[in-house]
Amino acid sequence: ATVTAATVTLQLKEAPQFYNSPDCPSITNIEDDPNVESSVFCSDQAVHVAVTLDSAYIRGSMAVILSVLQHSSCPQNIVFHFVTSAAANLSFLHATISSSFPYLNFQIYPFDDASVSRLISTSIRSALDCPLNYARSYLANLLPLCVTRVVYLDSDLILVDDIAKLAATPLGDNPVLAAPQYCNANFTSYFTTTFWSNPSLSLTFANRKPCYFNTGVMVMDLDRWRNGDYTTKIEEWMEIQKQMRIYELGSLPPFLLVFAGNIVPVDHRWNQHGLGGDNFRGLCRNLHPGPVSLLHWSGKGKPWARLDANRPCPLDALWAPYDLLQTPFVLDS
């Protein structure tokens, strides 16, 4: 295993260094804190970004980091919070990120797969059953209490706009989440007949106007999450799913059950999703009409896999510039 770990480390290039523009707020030495690092990791001026990290998606996660930094006006004020399986090789992951991004503010948090695996029911796509897919439900427990707001991003996307704009989404008085939502999607299709035919379950949506939203891009108020104990609420629905199969997909339906109809909608430009193509046939997708701030390869096909197989979709060319993989035989001019 060490051999493959070493080769992966060698294969990733170092990204260029990105600097703050002059008008960025300074976030070091808050309250004359001698521990500069902790001040960055707790700062409200920082933009906190959470991404999961695993060996299968590491190229994707690295592309996320590069795209976020490259389009940020205050890249040095961005703090990354990486969640990985407790069974993963933490020192290897740490070394991989540090070698490509020597100046990055980041922490890695081990996530205990066992805490969620007992709750996971099999879904229509085995990739969706990975415990790390559920880590977004546990961010409020994993991240330091001083982190009050975080932007959660999947590993199969890139930003082409300043993440600070997304992070600053006003959440109003009560909502816990902001995300692009899609009210024209057939919401009922996310749950089984068992769910809809059981009034004690389906009435959960009674006084809400629920819409589908994609959990791959979310602005989360972690204080409100902790105060409302939303991790427990999500787990309770997963327990019910274990007993009676109320949905077919993985980690998304519990989020819909708890939050749909109660989130702050974000402009669709922040999640041009579905670029991974059709879940069953893997067909290529086009962009939705309108402006684009974030491209998301949700669905079966991942751009790095299609590029490696020499069968890219047209839009995979937009992901390729953020790929830090060292291509062999390229001579530096």
Protein backbone atom coordinates (compact mmCIF):
# COMPACT_ATOMS: atom_id res chain seq x y z
CA ALA A 1 0.00 0.00 0.00
CA THR A 2 2.87 2.36 0.77
CA VAL A 3 4.18 2.04 -2.76
CA THR A 4 0.90 3.26 -4.26
CA ALA A 5 0.70 6.01 -1.66
CA ALA A 6 4.16 7.24 -2.64
CA THR A 7 3.38 7.20 -6.35
CA VAL A 8 0.19 9.21 -5.83
CA THR A 9 2.16 11.82 -3.86
CA LEU A 10 4.69 12.08 -6.68
CA GLN A 11 2.05 12.44 -9.32
CA LEU A 12 0.41 15.60 -7.99
CA LYS A 13 1.87 18.95 -9.00
CA GLU A 14 2.38 21.89 -6.70
CA ALA A 15 -0.24 24.57 -7.30
CA PRO A 16 0.76 28.22 -7.68
CA GLN A 17 0.54 30.37 -4.55
CA PHE A 18 -2.41 32.77 -4.36
CA TYR A 19 -2.37 36.06 -2.46
CA ASN A 20 -5.02 38.30 -0.91
CA SER A 21 -5.98 41.50 -2.67
CA PRO A 22 -5.12 44.66 -0.63
CA ASP A 23 -8.63 45.21 0.73
CA CYS A 24 -9.00 41.75 2.32
CA PRO A 25 -9.62 41.75 6.08
CA SER A 26 -6.61 40.65 8.12
CA ILE A 27 -7.39 37.54 10.12
CA THR A 28 -4.13 36.84 11.94
CA ASN A 29 -3.63 37.64 15.59
CA ILE A 30 -7.25 38.13 16.46
CA GLU A 31 -7.39 39.60 19.99
CA ASP A 32 -3.57 39.40 20.01
CA ASP A 33 -3.82 35.64 20.07
CA PRO A 34 -0.20 34.40 20.11
CA ASN A 35 -1.42 31.20 18.50
CA VAL A 36 -1.93 32.66 15.04
CA GLU A 37 -3.07 29.36 13.64
CA SER A 38 -6.02 28.96 15.96
CA SER A 39 -7.12 32.53 15.22
CA VAL A 40 -7.37 31.67 11.53
CA PHE A 41 -9.25 28.46 12.26
CA CYS A 42 -11.77 30.27 14.46
CA SER A 43 -12.09 33.54 12.59
CA ASP A 44 -15.47 34.81 11.42
CA GLN A 45 -13.58 36.80 8.78
CA ALA A 46 -12.30 33.56 7.27
CA VAL A 47 -14.32 31.61 4.75
CA HIS A 48 -14.64 28.07 6.11
CA VAL A 49 -14.93 25.31 3.51
CA ALA A 50 -15.61 21.63 4.27
CA VAL A 51 -14.71 18.90 1.76
CA THR A 52 -14.45 15.13 2.21
CA LEU A 53 -11.19 13.43 1.37
CA ASP A 54 -10.62 9.86 0.27
CA SER A 55 -8.24 8.04 -2.04
CA ALA A 56 -10.87 7.46 -4.76
CA TYR A 57 -11.74 11.15 -5.03
CA ILE A 58 -8.47 12.80 -4.03
CA ARG A 59 -7.90 14.28 -7.49
CA GLY A 60 -11.38 15.73 -7.33
CA SER A 61 -10.79 17.25 -3.88
CA MET A 62 -7.50 18.79 -5.04
CA ALA A 63 -9.25 20.33 -8.06
CA VAL A 64 -11.88 21.80 -5.70
CA ILE A 65 -9.14 23.46 -3.61
CA LEU A 66 -7.36 24.89 -6.65
CA SER A 67 -10.57 26.24 -8.19
CA VAL A 68 -11.63 27.86 -4.91
CA LEU A 69 -8.26 29.56 -4.36
CA GLN A 70 -7.85 30.65 -7.97
CA HIS A 71 -11.16 32.50 -8.07
CA SER A 72 -11.06 33.97 -4.58
CA SER A 73 -10.20 37.63 -3.99
CA CYS A 74 -9.00 36.70 -0.46
CA PRO A 75 -7.51 33.20 -0.91
CA GLN A 76 -5.34 33.45 2.22
CA ASN A 77 -8.52 33.93 4.28
CA ILE A 78 -9.91 30.55 3.27
CA VAL A 79 -9.72 27.70 5.76
CA PHE A 80 -10.32 24.14 4.55
CA HIS A 81 -11.77 21.51 6.84
CA PHE A 82 -11.21 18.04 5.35
CA VAL A 83 -13.19 15.09 6.66
CA THR A 84 -11.77 11.64 5.97
CA SER A 85 -12.41 8.10 7.10
CA ALA A 86 -10.74 7.32 10.43
CA ALA A 87 -9.31 4.24 8.69
CA ALA A 88 -7.54 6.37 6.04
CA ASN A 89 -3.83 7.08 6.08
CA LEU A 90 -3.97 10.56 7.64
CA SER A 91 -0.26 11.34 7.34
CA PHE A 92 -0.31 10.46 3.63
CA LEU A 93 -3.36 12.68 3.02
CA HIS A 94 -1.76 15.49 5.00
CA ALA A 95 1.48 15.19 3.01
CA THR A 96 -0.40 15.08 -0.30
CA ILE A 97 -2.27 18.32 0.40
CA SER A 98 0.77 20.07 1.86
CA SER A 99 2.97 19.20 -1.11
CA SER A 100 0.47 20.62 -3.63
CA PHE A 101 -0.66 23.52 -1.43
CA PRO A 102 2.22 24.41 0.94
CA TYR A 103 0.49 27.60 2.18
CA LEU A 104 -2.99 26.23 2.71
CA ASN A 105 -4.82 26.73 6.02
CA PHE A 106 -6.32 23.31 6.63
CA GLN A 107 -7.17 20.66 9.20
CA ILE A 108 -8.07 17.01 8.66
CA TYR A 109 -10.79 15.45 10.83
CA PRO A 110 -11.06 11.65 11.06
CA PHE A 111 -14.67 10.49 10.74
CA ASP A 112 -15.60 7.24 12.44
CA ASP A 113 -17.34 5.24 9.68
CA ALA A 114 -18.84 2.88 12.24
CA SER A 115 -20.89 5.71 13.75
CA VAL A 116 -22.95 5.85 10.56
CA SER A 117 -22.47 2.50 8.79
CA ARG A 118 -24.98 0.76 11.08
CA LEU A 119 -27.57 3.27 9.84
CA ILE A 120 -26.91 2.97 6.10
CA SER A 121 -29.43 1.08 3.99
CA THR A 122 -28.37 -0.09 0.53
CA SER A 123 -29.35 2.28 -2.26
CA ILE A 124 -29.68 2.03 -6.04
CA ARG A 125 -26.01 2.95 -6.53
CA SER A 126 -23.37 1.35 -4.33
CA ALA A 127 -21.13 4.45 -4.52
CA LEU A 128 -23.82 6.31 -2.57
CA ASP A 129 -23.50 3.88 0.37
CA CYS A 130 -19.98 4.97 1.34
CA PRO A 131 -20.03 6.18 4.97
CA LEU A 132 -18.07 9.31 4.02
CA ASN A 133 -21.10 10.43 1.95
CA TYR A 134 -22.85 10.91 5.28
CA ALA A 135 -20.06 13.00 6.85
CA ARG A 136 -21.89 16.23 5.91
CA SER A 137 -24.53 15.32 8.52
CA TYR A 138 -21.81 15.30 11.21
CA LEU A 139 -19.87 18.49 10.39
CA ALA A 140 -21.31 20.31 13.41
CA ASN A 141 -19.85 17.58 15.66
CA LEU A 142 -16.53 17.24 13.81
CA LEU A 143 -15.49 20.87 13.31
CA PRO A 144 -14.36 23.10 16.21
CA LEU A 145 -17.20 24.79 18.10
CA CYS A 146 -15.75 28.16 17.15
CA VAL A 147 -16.61 27.50 13.47
CA THR A 148 -20.13 28.86 13.14
CA ARG A 149 -20.65 28.82 9.37
CA VAL A 150 -19.21 26.55 6.71
CA VAL A 151 -19.63 26.04 2.97
CA TYR A 152 -19.85 22.30 2.29
CA LEU A 153 -18.63 21.21 -1.17
CA ASP A 154 -18.62 17.78 -2.82
CA SER A 155 -15.35 16.54 -4.34
CA ASP A 156 -16.65 16.39 -7.93
CA LEU A 157 -17.03 20.10 -8.61
CA ILE A 158 -15.10 23.27 -9.43
CA LEU A 159 -15.81 26.93 -8.70
CA VAL A 160 -15.37 29.62 -11.33
CA ASP A 161 -16.44 32.47 -9.02
CA ASP A 162 -15.48 33.88 -5.60
CA ILE A 163 -16.59 31.51 -2.86
CA ALA A 164 -16.89 34.46 -0.45
CA LYS A 165 -20.08 35.49 -2.31
CA LEU A 166 -21.62 32.08 -1.67
CA ALA A 167 -20.40 31.99 1.94
CA ALA A 168 -22.02 35.38 2.63
CA THR A 169 -25.54 34.15 1.71
CA PRO A 170 -27.90 35.69 4.31
CA LEU A 171 -29.63 32.93 6.27
CA GLY A 172 -32.36 35.06 7.85
CA ASP A 173 -33.66 34.42 11.35
CA ASN A 174 -34.12 30.66 11.46
CA PRO A 175 -32.88 28.60 8.50
CA VAL A 176 -29.94 26.28 9.08
CA LEU A 177 -29.04 25.79 5.42
CA ALA A 178 -28.84 27.62 2.13
CA ALA A 179 -28.57 25.69 -1.15
CA PRO A 180 -29.76 25.92 -4.73
CA GLN A 181 -33.19 24.29 -4.80
CA TYR A 182 -35.17 22.94 -7.74
CA CYS A 183 -38.93 23.22 -7.29
CA ASN A 184 -39.68 21.90 -10.79
CA ALA A 185 -38.13 18.49 -9.93
CA ASN A 186 -40.65 15.79 -9.04
CA PHE A 187 -40.23 15.84 -5.28
CA THR A 188 -42.48 12.85 -4.64
CA SER A 189 -40.15 10.59 -6.64
CA TYR A 190 -37.46 10.83 -3.93
CA PHE A 191 -39.60 8.73 -1.56
CA THR A 192 -41.30 5.37 -1.90
CA THR A 193 -45.00 4.57 -1.98
CA THR A 194 -44.53 3.16 1.52
CA PHE A 195 -43.61 6.66 2.66
CA TRP A 196 -46.39 8.55 0.88
CA SER A 197 -49.09 6.06 1.85
CA ASN A 198 -48.24 6.30 5.56
CA PRO A 199 -49.78 9.52 6.97
CA SER A 200 -47.61 9.47 10.11
CA LEU A 201 -44.60 9.77 7.79
CA SER A 202 -45.85 11.86 4.86
CA LEU A 203 -47.36 14.48 7.18
CA THR A 204 -43.83 15.58 7.98
CA PHE A 205 -44.19 17.80 4.87
CA ALA A 206 -47.68 19.03 5.82
CA ASN A 207 -46.93 22.70 6.50
CA ARG A 208 -43.91 22.96 4.23
CA LYS A 209 -43.54 23.59 0.51
CA PRO A 210 -40.77 21.04 -0.02
CA CYS A 211 -38.45 21.30 -3.03
CA TYR A 212 -35.54 19.11 -4.07
CA PHE A 213 -32.11 20.55 -3.28
CA ASN A 214 -28.69 19.09 -3.99
CA THR A 215 -26.62 18.52 -0.83
CA GLY A 216 -23.31 18.79 -2.72
CA VAL A 217 -23.24 22.58 -2.26
CA MET A 218 -24.57 23.97 1.02
CA VAL A 219 -24.00 26.96 3.27
CA MET A 220 -24.52 25.66 6.81
CA ASP A 221 -25.03 27.55 10.05
CA LEU A 222 -23.31 25.15 12.44
CA ASP A 223 -24.49 26.98 15.59
CA ARG A 224 -28.13 26.61 14.56
CA TRP A 225 -27.44 23.01 13.55
CA ARG A 226 -25.97 22.23 16.97
CA ASN A 227 -28.76 24.04 18.84
CA GLY A 228 -31.43 22.14 16.89
CA ASP A 229 -29.58 18.81 17.17
CA TYR A 230 -30.13 18.16 13.47
CA THR A 231 -27.67 15.25 13.32
CA THR A 232 -30.03 13.29 15.58
CA LYS A 233 -33.04 14.26 13.44
CA ILE A 234 -31.29 12.93 10.32
CA GLU A 235 -30.30 9.71 12.11
CA GLU A 236 -33.91 9.15 13.24
CA TRP A 237 -35.06 9.11 9.61
CA MET A 238 -32.23 6.70 8.75
CA GLU A 239 -33.48 4.38 11.52
CA ILE A 240 -36.98 4.44 10.00
CA GLN A 241 -35.47 3.72 6.56
CA LYS A 242 -33.77 0.64 8.05
CA GLN A 243 -37.17 -0.66 9.14
CA MET A 244 -39.39 0.18 6.18
CA ARG A 245 -37.53 1.52 3.10
CA ILE A 246 -38.98 4.97 2.61
CA TYR A 247 -36.48 6.09 -0.06
CA GLU A 248 -34.07 4.62 -2.66
CA LEU A 249 -31.10 7.04 -2.71
CA GLY A 250 -28.34 7.37 -0.11
CA SER A 251 -27.62 10.42 2.06
CA LEU A 252 -29.87 12.93 0.26
CA PRO A 253 -33.41 11.90 1.36
CA PRO A 254 -32.78 12.31 5.11
CA PHE A 255 -31.67 15.90 4.38
CA LEU A 256 -34.84 16.48 2.36
CA LEU A 257 -36.98 15.03 5.15
CA VAL A 258 -35.47 17.35 7.73
CA PHE A 259 -34.87 20.52 5.70
CA ALA A 260 -36.86 20.64 2.42
CA GLY A 261 -39.13 23.67 2.41
CA ASN A 262 -37.12 25.31 5.22
CA ILE A 263 -33.92 26.31 3.43
CA VAL A 264 -32.76 29.60 1.93
CA PRO A 265 -32.66 29.19 -1.86
CA VAL A 266 -29.36 30.06 -3.56
CA ASP A 267 -29.09 31.13 -7.20
CA HIS A 268 -28.77 28.10 -9.52
CA ARG A 269 -25.49 29.48 -10.89
CA TRP A 270 -23.92 28.04 -7.70
CA ASN A 271 -24.71 24.44 -8.61
CA GLN A 272 -24.72 23.53 -12.28
CA HIS A 273 -25.23 19.92 -11.28
CA GLY A 274 -25.72 16.61 -13.07
CA LEU A 275 -22.62 16.96 -15.28
CA GLY A 276 -21.60 13.41 -14.34
CA GLY A 277 -24.44 12.35 -16.61
CA ASP A 278 -27.28 9.94 -16.33
CA ASN A 279 -27.07 7.61 -13.31
CA PHE A 280 -27.98 4.56 -15.38
CA ARG A 281 -26.57 5.16 -18.85
CA GLY A 282 -23.74 7.60 -18.14
CA LEU A 283 -24.74 9.99 -20.95
CA CYS A 284 -23.00 13.37 -21.33
CA ARG A 285 -24.88 16.42 -20.10
CA ASN A 286 -24.94 20.03 -21.23
CA LEU A 287 -24.96 23.09 -19.01
CA HIS A 288 -28.32 24.41 -17.86
CA PRO A 289 -29.14 27.84 -19.30
CA GLY A 290 -27.96 30.86 -17.33
CA PRO A 291 -24.76 32.07 -15.66
CA VAL A 292 -22.30 29.64 -14.07
CA SER A 293 -20.39 30.04 -10.80
CA LEU A 294 -19.94 26.36 -9.98
CA LEU A 295 -19.82 23.21 -12.13
CA HIS A 296 -20.81 19.96 -10.42
CA TRP A 297 -20.19 16.49 -11.90
CA SER A 298 -22.88 14.83 -9.79
CA GLY A 299 -24.11 11.60 -11.31
CA LYS A 300 -22.25 8.49 -12.30
CA GLY A 301 -19.43 9.82 -14.48
CA LYS A 302 -16.49 11.65 -12.89
CA PRO A 303 -14.36 13.85 -15.15
CA TRP A 304 -11.00 12.39 -14.03
CA ALA A 305 -12.19 8.84 -14.75
CA ARG A 306 -13.50 9.79 -18.20
CA LEU A 307 -10.33 11.72 -19.05
CA ASP A 308 -8.16 8.77 -17.94
CA ALA A 309 -10.25 6.41 -20.07
CA ASN A 310 -9.93 8.75 -23.07
CA ARG A 311 -13.71 9.03 -23.21
CA PRO A 312 -14.35 12.54 -21.89
CA CYS A 313 -17.62 14.40 -22.20
CA PRO A 314 -17.30 17.87 -23.78
CA LEU A 315 -17.66 19.67 -20.43
CA ASP A 316 -14.88 17.61 -18.83
CA ALA A 317 -12.50 20.00 -20.65
CA LEU A 318 -13.61 22.67 -18.14
CA TRP A 319 -12.50 20.46 -15.22
CA ALA A 320 -9.14 19.45 -16.75
CA PRO A 321 -7.24 22.74 -16.04
CA TYR A 322 -7.76 22.15 -12.29
CA ASP A 323 -6.40 18.61 -12.37
CA LEU A 324 -3.10 18.53 -10.47
CA LEU A 325 -2.13 15.08 -11.70
CA GLN A 326 1.36 15.08 -13.20
CA THR A 327 1.01 13.94 -16.77
CA PRO A 328 4.03 11.83 -17.68
CA PHE A 329 6.27 12.77 -20.63
CA VAL A 330 5.50 16.49 -20.42
CA LEU A 331 8.76 18.45 -20.75
CA ASP A 332 8.87 21.80 -18.97
CA SER A 333 9.52 24.40 -21.62
